[in-house]
Amino acid sequence: MSDAYLVVGLMVGFVAAGIAFLAWGTIRKNNWGVNFKRPVCPACGARAPVVRMPASLKQAMWGGWTCAKCGQDVDKWGRSVAGRRG
């Protein structure tokens, strides 16, 4: 019986840690966060597409897109990604 409580306790702990990472990342605007708004390209002002196709593994894992208008790499928060432009 105590093994079941231990397993349930560990699962609840992992879920709580995941929610804490998401909340912290959203507040700090880092890779772990979730952006609920459609960002705009900082270079040309174009809005991010509703359905995006990631151009790299980093974009697939952490969000972001490549602007179709100017080619700027933008993260999921609408900030320019250094070192990459069209």
C-alpha atoms as a PDB file:
ATOM      1  CA  MET A   1       0.000   0.000   0.000  1.00  0.00           C
ATOM      2  CA  SER A   2       2.784   2.448   0.838  1.00  0.00           C
ATOM      3  CA  ASP A   3       4.447   1.795  -2.552  1.00  0.00           C
ATOM      4  CA  ALA A   4       1.330   3.079  -4.302  1.00  0.00           C
ATOM      5  CA  TYR A   5       1.391   6.266  -2.230  1.00  0.00           C
ATOM      6  CA  LEU A   6       5.051   6.750  -3.071  1.00  0.00           C
ATOM      7  CA  VAL A   7       4.392   6.382  -6.806  1.00  0.00           C
ATOM      8  CA  VAL A   8       1.419   8.758  -6.680  1.00  0.00           C
ATOM      9  CA  GLY A   9       3.436  11.234  -4.622  1.00  0.00           C
ATOM     10  CA  LEU A  10       6.299  11.150  -7.139  1.00  0.00           C
ATOM     11  CA  MET A  11       3.915  11.626 -10.067  1.00  0.00           C
ATOM     12  CA  VAL A  12       2.247  14.599  -8.387  1.00  0.00           C
ATOM     13  CA  GLY A  13       5.686  16.051  -7.657  1.00  0.00           C
ATOM     14  CA  PHE A  14       6.809  15.722 -11.280  1.00  0.00           C
ATOM     15  CA  VAL A  15       3.604  17.309 -12.574  1.00  0.00           C
ATOM     16  CA  ALA A  16       3.939  20.162 -10.071  1.00  0.00           C
ATOM     17  CA  ALA A  17       7.567  20.705 -11.139  1.00  0.00           C
ATOM     18  CA  GLY A  18       6.502  20.809 -14.795  1.00  0.00           C
ATOM     19  CA  ILE A  19       3.797  23.372 -14.073  1.00  0.00           C
ATOM     20  CA  ALA A  20       6.309  25.434 -12.083  1.00  0.00           C
ATOM     21  CA  PHE A  21       8.773  25.379 -15.023  1.00  0.00           C
ATOM     22  CA  LEU A  22       6.019  26.508 -17.424  1.00  0.00           C
ATOM     23  CA  ALA A  23       4.886  29.310 -15.127  1.00  0.00           C
ATOM     24  CA  TRP A  24       8.453  30.466 -14.465  1.00  0.00           C
ATOM     25  CA  GLY A  25       9.316  30.350 -18.172  1.00  0.00           C
ATOM     26  CA  THR A  26       6.208  32.300 -19.126  1.00  0.00           C
ATOM     27  CA  ILE A  27       6.895  35.007 -16.549  1.00  0.00           C
ATOM     28  CA  ARG A  28      10.614  35.222 -17.450  1.00  0.00           C
ATOM     29  CA  LYS A  29       9.932  34.785 -21.199  1.00  0.00           C
ATOM     30  CA  ASN A  30      12.467  32.027 -21.713  1.00  0.00           C
ATOM     31  CA  ASN A  31      12.383  28.782 -23.720  1.00  0.00           C
ATOM     32  CA  TRP A  32      10.299  26.917 -21.124  1.00  0.00           C
ATOM     33  CA  GLY A  33       7.445  29.430 -21.231  1.00  0.00           C
ATOM     34  CA  VAL A  34       4.286  29.533 -23.321  1.00  0.00           C
ATOM     35  CA  ASN A  35       3.354  32.598 -25.367  1.00  0.00           C
ATOM     36  CA  PHE A  36      -0.405  32.897 -25.812  1.00  0.00           C
ATOM     37  CA  LYS A  37      -0.198  35.898 -28.178  1.00  0.00           C
ATOM     38  CA  ARG A  38       0.847  35.993 -31.835  1.00  0.00           C
ATOM     39  CA  PRO A  39       4.188  37.817 -31.935  1.00  0.00           C
ATOM     40  CA  VAL A  40       5.331  40.175 -34.677  1.00  0.00           C
ATOM     41  CA  CYS A  41       8.658  40.311 -36.510  1.00  0.00           C
ATOM     42  CA  PRO A  42      10.887  42.967 -34.906  1.00  0.00           C
ATOM     43  CA  ALA A  43      12.448  43.821 -38.287  1.00  0.00           C
ATOM     44  CA  CYS A  44       9.382  44.360 -40.494  1.00  0.00           C
ATOM     45  CA  GLY A  45       6.325  44.097 -38.238  1.00  0.00           C
ATOM     46  CA  ALA A  46       4.763  41.069 -39.964  1.00  0.00           C
ATOM     47  CA  ARG A  47       2.632  38.880 -37.691  1.00  0.00           C
ATOM     48  CA  ALA A  48       3.613  35.279 -37.040  1.00  0.00           C
ATOM     49  CA  PRO A  49       1.560  32.733 -38.972  1.00  0.00           C
ATOM     50  CA  VAL A  50      -1.213  30.963 -37.066  1.00  0.00           C
ATOM     51  CA  VAL A  51       0.142  27.591 -38.206  1.00  0.00           C
ATOM     52  CA  ARG A  52       3.901  27.728 -38.466  1.00  0.00           C
ATOM     53  CA  MET A  53       6.335  25.349 -40.111  1.00  0.00           C
ATOM     54  CA  PRO A  54       9.608  25.218 -38.164  1.00  0.00           C
ATOM     55  CA  ALA A  55      12.699  25.792 -40.290  1.00  0.00           C
ATOM     56  CA  SER A  56      15.099  24.187 -37.800  1.00  0.00           C
ATOM     57  CA  LEU A  57      15.213  21.741 -34.928  1.00  0.00           C
ATOM     58  CA  LYS A  58      15.549  24.658 -32.502  1.00  0.00           C
ATOM     59  CA  GLN A  59      12.336  26.223 -33.834  1.00  0.00           C
ATOM     60  CA  ALA A  60      10.567  22.876 -33.594  1.00  0.00           C
ATOM     61  CA  MET A  61      11.632  22.379 -29.972  1.00  0.00           C
ATOM     62  CA  TRP A  62      11.384  25.891 -28.560  1.00  0.00           C
ATOM     63  CA  GLY A  63       9.051  27.776 -30.897  1.00  0.00           C
ATOM     64  CA  GLY A  64       9.710  30.707 -33.160  1.00  0.00           C
ATOM     65  CA  TRP A  65       9.611  31.125 -36.896  1.00  0.00           C
ATOM     66  CA  THR A  66      11.385  32.600 -39.895  1.00  0.00           C
ATOM     67  CA  CYS A  67       9.605  35.703 -41.178  1.00  0.00           C
ATOM     68  CA  ALA A  68       8.242  35.116 -44.682  1.00  0.00           C
ATOM     69  CA  LYS A  69       8.476  38.829 -45.471  1.00  0.00           C
ATOM     70  CA  CYS A  70      12.087  39.640 -44.507  1.00  0.00           C
ATOM     71  CA  GLY A  71      13.699  36.286 -43.577  1.00  0.00           C
ATOM     72  CA  GLN A  72      14.464  37.253 -39.968  1.00  0.00           C
ATOM     73  CA  ASP A  73      14.603  34.405 -37.437  1.00  0.00           C
ATOM     74  CA  VAL A  74      12.317  35.292 -34.539  1.00  0.00           C
ATOM     75  CA  ASP A  75      11.790  33.455 -31.253  1.00  0.00           C
ATOM     76  CA  LYS A  76       8.349  32.658 -29.827  1.00  0.00           C
ATOM     77  CA  TRP A  77       8.342  35.935 -27.863  1.00  0.00           C
ATOM     78  CA  GLY A  78       8.889  38.105 -30.974  1.00  0.00           C
ATOM     79  CA  ARG A  79      12.579  38.793 -30.342  1.00  0.00           C
ATOM     80  CA  SER A  80      15.178  38.629 -33.076  1.00  0.00           C
ATOM     81  CA  VAL A  81      17.443  35.565 -32.955  1.00  0.00           C
ATOM     82  CA  ALA A  82      21.020  36.790 -33.300  1.00  0.00           C
ATOM     83  CA  GLY A  83      23.175  35.596 -36.136  1.00  0.00           C
ATOM     84  CA  ARG A  84      20.462  34.623 -38.595  1.00  0.00           C
ATOM     85  CA  ARG A  85      18.763  36.753 -41.182  1.00  0.00           C
ATOM     86  CA  GLY A  86      17.438  35.564 -44.530  1.00  0.00           C
END
